[in-house]
Amino acid sequence: MPPSSGTPSGQPPSGTPGTPPVHAEGHWARYNAGQGDREPRETLRRALDLAGRETGRTAVDLGCGAGRETRALLDGGWRVHAYDSEPTMLSATDRTHPALTAHLLGFEQITELPPADLVYAGYALPYQSRASFDRLWTLIRAALRPGGLVAVDLFGVHDAWAGTPGMTFLTAAEATALATGLTVEHWHEEDEVGPAFGGPKHWHVFELIARV
């Protein structure tokens, strides 16, 4: 289940379960402030193991937040394009790193992605409308180079936050269909109560890693 400390990228840091306060003023800045010391997400660690240790490749980090996963990618020798709509993005990494390109953009503002060997989005893609989600997924698929990996955490329809306006929740069939034509390297579904910043909530999460 998602951890209680170093909560999932994109998870609100306050509020009660069932009412994620994603539009509260200063919300994401407060969330990012507490993310610097946690370990990188398990989905990214799996993707890096699958990708191997070759350096100089390009990764995209969508919804990078404080940049904990961005930092892990840079440390692993990747060139990283990091995207987020929060001005406090990348507070947990070196924004002057020569291999880092920061894009202060919301998902709905992204019109293209650079060719990439890895596209990662940890608990971030659900925080947009379904129309925006589908459009961005098309861009993700188009950006992947041959052999490239996409690694994402998605919310399912049983999640306590399901039905929140402006968010996307998928059935298992919808989530697996995202990888049509790709080779699925990892798939895991969590559907249970677990810890969160605002108190225990029911998590429904799909971990998906697929390769072109």
C-alpha atoms as a PDB file:
ATOM      1  CA  MET A   1       0.000   0.000   0.000  1.00  0.00           C
ATOM      2  CA  PRO A   2       1.137   3.615  -0.366  1.00  0.00           C
ATOM      3  CA  PRO A   3       3.394   4.714   2.514  1.00  0.00           C
ATOM      4  CA  SER A   4       2.287   7.029   5.304  1.00  0.00           C
ATOM      5  CA  SER A   5       5.567   8.934   5.322  1.00  0.00           C
ATOM      6  CA  GLY A   6       6.799  10.296   2.044  1.00  0.00           C
ATOM      7  CA  THR A   7       3.259   9.980   0.737  1.00  0.00           C
ATOM      8  CA  PRO A   8       2.587   9.419  -2.952  1.00  0.00           C
ATOM      9  CA  SER A   9       3.579  12.206  -5.340  1.00  0.00           C
ATOM     10  CA  GLY A  10       0.400  14.129  -5.920  1.00  0.00           C
ATOM     11  CA  GLN A  11      -1.302  13.050  -2.689  1.00  0.00           C
ATOM     12  CA  PRO A  12      -2.699  16.004  -0.716  1.00  0.00           C
ATOM     13  CA  PRO A  13      -0.837  16.746   2.539  1.00  0.00           C
ATOM     14  CA  SER A  14      -3.921  17.780   4.491  1.00  0.00           C
ATOM     15  CA  GLY A  15      -7.683  17.422   4.635  1.00  0.00           C
ATOM     16  CA  THR A  16      -9.949  14.506   5.401  1.00  0.00           C
ATOM     17  CA  PRO A  17     -10.148  11.291   3.390  1.00  0.00           C
ATOM     18  CA  GLY A  18     -12.630  11.643   0.561  1.00  0.00           C
ATOM     19  CA  THR A  19     -12.086  15.399   0.186  1.00  0.00           C
ATOM     20  CA  PRO A  20      -8.594  15.964  -1.236  1.00  0.00           C
ATOM     21  CA  PRO A  21      -7.983  19.737  -0.955  1.00  0.00           C
ATOM     22  CA  VAL A  22      -6.058  19.938  -4.215  1.00  0.00           C
ATOM     23  CA  HIS A  23      -7.237  23.469  -4.978  1.00  0.00           C
ATOM     24  CA  ALA A  24      -6.471  24.984  -1.573  1.00  0.00           C
ATOM     25  CA  GLU A  25      -4.127  27.965  -1.708  1.00  0.00           C
ATOM     26  CA  GLY A  26      -0.555  26.945  -0.945  1.00  0.00           C
ATOM     27  CA  HIS A  27      -1.462  23.263  -0.920  1.00  0.00           C
ATOM     28  CA  TRP A  28       1.263  21.939  -3.204  1.00  0.00           C
ATOM     29  CA  ALA A  29       3.943  24.204  -1.729  1.00  0.00           C
ATOM     30  CA  ARG A  30       3.233  22.738   1.718  1.00  0.00           C
ATOM     31  CA  TYR A  31       3.283  19.243   0.294  1.00  0.00           C
ATOM     32  CA  ASN A  32       6.596  19.743  -1.512  1.00  0.00           C
ATOM     33  CA  ALA A  33       8.194  21.138   1.639  1.00  0.00           C
ATOM     34  CA  GLY A  34       7.917  17.752   3.332  1.00  0.00           C
ATOM     35  CA  GLN A  35       9.202  15.564   0.509  1.00  0.00           C
ATOM     36  CA  GLY A  36      12.950  16.128   0.458  1.00  0.00           C
ATOM     37  CA  ASP A  37      14.141  13.270   2.669  1.00  0.00           C
ATOM     38  CA  ARG A  38      11.974  10.350   1.602  1.00  0.00           C
ATOM     39  CA  GLU A  39      13.140   7.475  -0.592  1.00  0.00           C
ATOM     40  CA  PRO A  40      12.238   7.474  -4.302  1.00  0.00           C
ATOM     41  CA  ARG A  41       8.946   5.780  -5.134  1.00  0.00           C
ATOM     42  CA  GLU A  42       8.948   2.029  -5.602  1.00  0.00           C
ATOM     43  CA  THR A  43       7.577   2.325  -9.151  1.00  0.00           C
ATOM     44  CA  LEU A  44      10.562   4.433 -10.190  1.00  0.00           C
ATOM     45  CA  ARG A  45      13.005   2.052  -8.530  1.00  0.00           C
ATOM     46  CA  ARG A  46      11.466  -0.848 -10.458  1.00  0.00           C
ATOM     47  CA  ALA A  47      11.654   1.112 -13.702  1.00  0.00           C
ATOM     48  CA  LEU A  48      15.320   1.964 -13.144  1.00  0.00           C
ATOM     49  CA  ASP A  49      16.130  -1.700 -12.515  1.00  0.00           C
ATOM     50  CA  LEU A  50      14.375  -2.609 -15.764  1.00  0.00           C
ATOM     51  CA  ALA A  51      16.103   0.189 -17.678  1.00  0.00           C
ATOM     52  CA  GLY A  52      19.614  -0.867 -16.666  1.00  0.00           C
ATOM     53  CA  ARG A  53      22.608   1.328 -15.896  1.00  0.00           C
ATOM     54  CA  GLU A  54      23.443   2.902 -19.249  1.00  0.00           C
ATOM     55  CA  THR A  55      23.957   6.652 -18.748  1.00  0.00           C
ATOM     56  CA  GLY A  56      23.103   9.613 -20.944  1.00  0.00           C
ATOM     57  CA  ARG A  57      19.551   8.578 -21.759  1.00  0.00           C
ATOM     58  CA  THR A  58      16.547  10.912 -21.487  1.00  0.00           C
ATOM     59  CA  ALA A  59      13.807  10.647 -18.868  1.00  0.00           C
ATOM     60  CA  VAL A  60      10.612  12.646 -18.405  1.00  0.00           C
ATOM     61  CA  ASP A  61       9.277  13.150 -14.858  1.00  0.00           C
ATOM     62  CA  LEU A  62       5.630  14.254 -15.027  1.00  0.00           C
ATOM     63  CA  GLY A  63       4.310  15.881 -11.866  1.00  0.00           C
ATOM     64  CA  CYS A  64       7.808  15.961 -10.404  1.00  0.00           C
ATOM     65  CA  GLY A  65       6.820  17.854  -7.251  1.00  0.00           C
ATOM     66  CA  ALA A  66       9.779  18.493  -4.974  1.00  0.00           C
ATOM     67  CA  GLY A  67      11.943  16.433  -7.322  1.00  0.00           C
ATOM     68  CA  ARG A  68      12.891  13.450  -5.196  1.00  0.00           C
ATOM     69  CA  GLU A  69      12.516  11.102  -8.168  1.00  0.00           C
ATOM     70  CA  THR A  70      14.133  13.672 -10.460  1.00  0.00           C
ATOM     71  CA  ARG A  71      17.158  13.652  -8.167  1.00  0.00           C
ATOM     72  CA  ALA A  72      17.346   9.854  -8.291  1.00  0.00           C
ATOM     73  CA  LEU A  73      17.238   9.965 -12.091  1.00  0.00           C
ATOM     74  CA  LEU A  74      19.998  12.579 -12.246  1.00  0.00           C
ATOM     75  CA  ASP A  75      22.098  10.565  -9.808  1.00  0.00           C
ATOM     76  CA  GLY A  76      21.652   7.588 -12.134  1.00  0.00           C
ATOM     77  CA  GLY A  77      23.102   9.454 -15.097  1.00  0.00           C
ATOM     78  CA  TRP A  78      19.866  10.379 -16.854  1.00  0.00           C
ATOM     79  CA  ARG A  79      19.102  13.638 -18.623  1.00  0.00           C
ATOM     80  CA  VAL A  80      15.770  14.720 -17.137  1.00  0.00           C
ATOM     81  CA  HIS A  81      12.887  16.879 -18.304  1.00  0.00           C
ATOM     82  CA  ALA A  82      10.818  17.590 -15.185  1.00  0.00           C
ATOM     83  CA  TYR A  83       7.270  18.979 -15.379  1.00  0.00           C
ATOM     84  CA  ASP A  84       5.077  20.486 -12.692  1.00  0.00           C
ATOM     85  CA  SER A  85       2.670  23.409 -12.284  1.00  0.00           C
ATOM     86  CA  GLU A  86       3.834  24.339  -8.769  1.00  0.00           C
ATOM     87  CA  PRO A  87       6.516  27.074  -8.543  1.00  0.00           C
ATOM     88  CA  THR A  88       8.170  25.238  -5.615  1.00  0.00           C
ATOM     89  CA  MET A  89       8.902  22.297  -7.905  1.00  0.00           C
ATOM     90  CA  LEU A  90      12.327  20.645  -7.619  1.00  0.00           C
ATOM     91  CA  SER A  91      13.011  22.046  -4.146  1.00  0.00           C
ATOM     92  CA  ALA A  92      14.600  18.698  -3.209  1.00  0.00           C
ATOM     93  CA  THR A  93      17.160  18.672  -6.024  1.00  0.00           C
ATOM     94  CA  ASP A  94      19.733  20.896  -7.683  1.00  0.00           C
ATOM     95  CA  ARG A  95      17.817  23.005 -10.208  1.00  0.00           C
ATOM     96  CA  THR A  96      21.120  24.105 -11.770  1.00  0.00           C
ATOM     97  CA  HIS A  97      22.142  20.536 -12.643  1.00  0.00           C
ATOM     98  CA  PRO A  98      23.381  20.571 -16.262  1.00  0.00           C
ATOM     99  CA  ALA A  99      21.337  17.477 -17.141  1.00  0.00           C
ATOM    100  CA  LEU A 100      18.046  18.936 -15.844  1.00  0.00           C
ATOM    101  CA  THR A 101      15.461  20.893 -17.805  1.00  0.00           C
ATOM    102  CA  ALA A 102      12.549  22.220 -15.731  1.00  0.00           C
ATOM    103  CA  HIS A 103       9.144  22.929 -17.278  1.00  0.00           C
ATOM    104  CA  LEU A 104       6.727  24.950 -15.129  1.00  0.00           C
ATOM    105  CA  LEU A 105       3.566  23.680 -16.818  1.00  0.00           C
ATOM    106  CA  GLY A 106       0.308  22.035 -15.849  1.00  0.00           C
ATOM    107  CA  PHE A 107      -0.603  18.829 -17.619  1.00  0.00           C
ATOM    108  CA  GLU A 108      -3.212  20.587 -19.731  1.00  0.00           C
ATOM    109  CA  GLN A 109      -0.531  23.041 -20.947  1.00  0.00           C
ATOM    110  CA  ILE A 110       1.845  20.378 -22.276  1.00  0.00           C
ATOM    111  CA  THR A 111       1.652  20.239 -26.067  1.00  0.00           C
ATOM    112  CA  GLU A 112       4.547  17.858 -26.704  1.00  0.00           C
ATOM    113  CA  LEU A 113       7.147  15.810 -24.852  1.00  0.00           C
ATOM    114  CA  PRO A 114      10.774  15.255 -25.826  1.00  0.00           C
ATOM    115  CA  PRO A 115      11.808  11.847 -27.191  1.00  0.00           C
ATOM    116  CA  ALA A 116      12.413   9.757 -24.084  1.00  0.00           C
ATOM    117  CA  ASP A 117      13.784   6.428 -22.951  1.00  0.00           C
ATOM    118  CA  LEU A 118      11.709   6.604 -19.756  1.00  0.00           C
ATOM    119  CA  VAL A 119       8.525   8.471 -18.905  1.00  0.00           C
ATOM    120  CA  TYR A 120       7.690   8.391 -15.193  1.00  0.00           C
ATOM    121  CA  ALA A 121       4.631   9.768 -13.400  1.00  0.00           C
ATOM    122  CA  GLY A 122       4.278   8.827  -9.749  1.00  0.00           C
ATOM    123  CA  TYR A 123       0.743   9.323  -8.364  1.00  0.00           C
ATOM    124  CA  ALA A 124       0.417  12.460 -10.500  1.00  0.00           C
ATOM    125  CA  LEU A 125      -1.547  11.659 -13.659  1.00  0.00           C
ATOM    126  CA  PRO A 126      -4.869  11.186 -11.787  1.00  0.00           C
ATOM    127  CA  TYR A 127      -4.874  14.902 -10.905  1.00  0.00           C
ATOM    128  CA  GLN A 128      -6.375  16.027 -14.205  1.00  0.00           C
ATOM    129  CA  SER A 129      -9.642  15.556 -16.061  1.00  0.00           C
ATOM    130  CA  ARG A 130     -10.157  12.442 -18.156  1.00  0.00           C
ATOM    131  CA  ALA A 131      -9.983  14.453 -21.379  1.00  0.00           C
ATOM    132  CA  SER A 132      -6.642  15.937 -20.324  1.00  0.00           C
ATOM    133  CA  PHE A 133      -5.441  12.521 -19.153  1.00  0.00           C
ATOM    134  CA  ASP A 134      -6.231  10.883 -22.501  1.00  0.00           C
ATOM    135  CA  ARG A 135      -4.548  13.678 -24.454  1.00  0.00           C
ATOM    136  CA  LEU A 136      -1.410  13.490 -22.302  1.00  0.00           C
ATOM    137  CA  TRP A 137      -1.294   9.706 -22.552  1.00  0.00           C
ATOM    138  CA  THR A 138      -1.205  10.051 -26.336  1.00  0.00           C
ATOM    139  CA  LEU A 139       1.768  12.414 -25.983  1.00  0.00           C
ATOM    140  CA  ILE A 140       3.503   9.955 -23.642  1.00  0.00           C
ATOM    141  CA  ARG A 141       3.108   7.085 -26.093  1.00  0.00           C
ATOM    142  CA  ALA A 142       4.387   9.258 -28.952  1.00  0.00           C
ATOM    143  CA  ALA A 143       7.473  10.346 -26.964  1.00  0.00           C
ATOM    144  CA  LEU A 144       8.728   6.856 -26.121  1.00  0.00           C
ATOM    145  CA  ARG A 145      11.740   5.694 -28.076  1.00  0.00           C
ATOM    146  CA  PRO A 146      12.070   2.034 -29.152  1.00  0.00           C
ATOM    147  CA  GLY A 147      12.771   0.037 -26.013  1.00  0.00           C
ATOM    148  CA  GLY A 148      11.624   2.926 -23.829  1.00  0.00           C
ATOM    149  CA  LEU A 149       9.668   2.472 -20.604  1.00  0.00           C
ATOM    150  CA  VAL A 150       6.592   4.182 -19.214  1.00  0.00           C
ATOM    151  CA  ALA A 151       6.141   3.840 -15.436  1.00  0.00           C
ATOM    152  CA  VAL A 152       3.029   5.259 -13.763  1.00  0.00           C
ATOM    153  CA  ASP A 153       0.825   5.020 -10.686  1.00  0.00           C
ATOM    154  CA  LEU A 154      -2.880   5.447 -11.406  1.00  0.00           C
ATOM    155  CA  PHE A 155      -6.020   5.681  -9.272  1.00  0.00           C
ATOM    156  CA  GLY A 156      -8.809   3.111  -9.540  1.00  0.00           C
ATOM    157  CA  VAL A 157     -12.568   3.518  -9.255  1.00  0.00           C
ATOM    158  CA  HIS A 158     -12.692   2.054  -5.731  1.00  0.00           C
ATOM    159  CA  ASP A 159     -10.438   4.783  -4.319  1.00  0.00           C
ATOM    160  CA  ALA A 160     -11.959   6.890  -1.536  1.00  0.00           C
ATOM    161  CA  TRP A 161     -11.463   9.992  -3.678  1.00  0.00           C
ATOM    162  CA  ALA A 162     -13.244   8.540  -6.724  1.00  0.00           C
ATOM    163  CA  GLY A 163     -15.692  11.017  -8.185  1.00  0.00           C
ATOM    164  CA  THR A 164     -13.657  14.089  -7.226  1.00  0.00           C
ATOM    165  CA  PRO A 165     -14.195  16.647 -10.013  1.00  0.00           C
ATOM    166  CA  GLY A 166     -11.188  17.237 -12.244  1.00  0.00           C
ATOM    167  CA  MET A 167      -9.564  13.880 -11.422  1.00  0.00           C
ATOM    168  CA  THR A 168      -9.314  10.591 -13.312  1.00  0.00           C
ATOM    169  CA  PHE A 169     -10.147   7.185 -11.853  1.00  0.00           C
ATOM    170  CA  LEU A 170      -9.879   4.049 -13.976  1.00  0.00           C
ATOM    171  CA  THR A 171     -11.194   0.519 -13.949  1.00  0.00           C
ATOM    172  CA  ALA A 172      -8.596  -2.242 -14.149  1.00  0.00           C
ATOM    173  CA  ALA A 173      -9.622  -2.847 -17.760  1.00  0.00           C
ATOM    174  CA  GLU A 174      -9.158   0.842 -18.610  1.00  0.00           C
ATOM    175  CA  ALA A 175      -5.762   0.927 -16.933  1.00  0.00           C
ATOM    176  CA  THR A 176      -4.470  -2.194 -18.686  1.00  0.00           C
ATOM    177  CA  ALA A 177      -5.801  -0.919 -22.021  1.00  0.00           C
ATOM    178  CA  LEU A 178      -3.362   1.997 -21.737  1.00  0.00           C
ATOM    179  CA  ALA A 179      -0.580  -0.489 -22.464  1.00  0.00           C
ATOM    180  CA  THR A 180      -2.159  -1.953 -25.591  1.00  0.00           C
ATOM    181  CA  GLY A 181       0.645  -2.650 -28.062  1.00  0.00           C
ATOM    182  CA  LEU A 182       3.317  -2.422 -25.348  1.00  0.00           C
ATOM    183  CA  THR A 183       5.042  -5.148 -23.340  1.00  0.00           C
ATOM    184  CA  VAL A 184       3.875  -5.013 -19.716  1.00  0.00           C
ATOM    185  CA  GLU A 185       6.900  -5.400 -17.449  1.00  0.00           C
ATOM    186  CA  HIS A 186       5.094  -4.827 -14.144  1.00  0.00           C
ATOM    187  CA  TRP A 187       1.470  -4.631 -13.051  1.00  0.00           C
ATOM    188  CA  HIS A 188       0.170  -4.468  -9.497  1.00  0.00           C
ATOM    189  CA  GLU A 189      -3.177  -3.460  -8.028  1.00  0.00           C
ATOM    190  CA  GLU A 190      -3.753  -2.227  -4.464  1.00  0.00           C
ATOM    191  CA  ASP A 191      -7.359  -2.019  -3.238  1.00  0.00           C
ATOM    192  CA  GLU A 192      -7.345  -1.575   0.525  1.00  0.00           C
ATOM    193  CA  VAL A 193      -7.289   0.862   3.409  1.00  0.00           C
ATOM    194  CA  GLY A 194      -3.912   2.399   4.066  1.00  0.00           C
ATOM    195  CA  PRO A 195      -2.258   5.406   5.711  1.00  0.00           C
ATOM    196  CA  ALA A 196      -2.414   8.910   4.260  1.00  0.00           C
ATOM    197  CA  PHE A 197      -1.570  12.402   5.478  1.00  0.00           C
ATOM    198  CA  GLY A 198      -5.215  13.165   6.283  1.00  0.00           C
ATOM    199  CA  GLY A 199      -5.758   9.855   8.055  1.00  0.00           C
ATOM    200  CA  PRO A 200      -6.499   6.321   6.835  1.00  0.00           C
ATOM    201  CA  LYS A 201      -8.261   6.148   3.484  1.00  0.00           C
ATOM    202  CA  HIS A 202      -9.179   3.479   0.977  1.00  0.00           C
ATOM    203  CA  TRP A 203      -6.525   3.355  -1.727  1.00  0.00           C
ATOM    204  CA  HIS A 204      -7.183   1.884  -5.147  1.00  0.00           C
ATOM    205  CA  VAL A 205      -3.949   2.175  -7.100  1.00  0.00           C
ATOM    206  CA  PHE A 206      -2.575   0.541 -10.245  1.00  0.00           C
ATOM    207  CA  GLU A 207       1.206   0.328 -10.748  1.00  0.00           C
ATOM    208  CA  LEU A 208       1.980  -0.029 -14.454  1.00  0.00           C
ATOM    209  CA  ILE A 209       5.368  -0.304 -16.148  1.00  0.00           C
ATOM    210  CA  ALA A 210       5.401  -1.092 -19.864  1.00  0.00           C
ATOM    211  CA  ARG A 211       7.996  -1.124 -22.634  1.00  0.00           C
ATOM    212  CA  VAL A 212       7.784  -0.144 -26.283  1.00  0.00           C
END
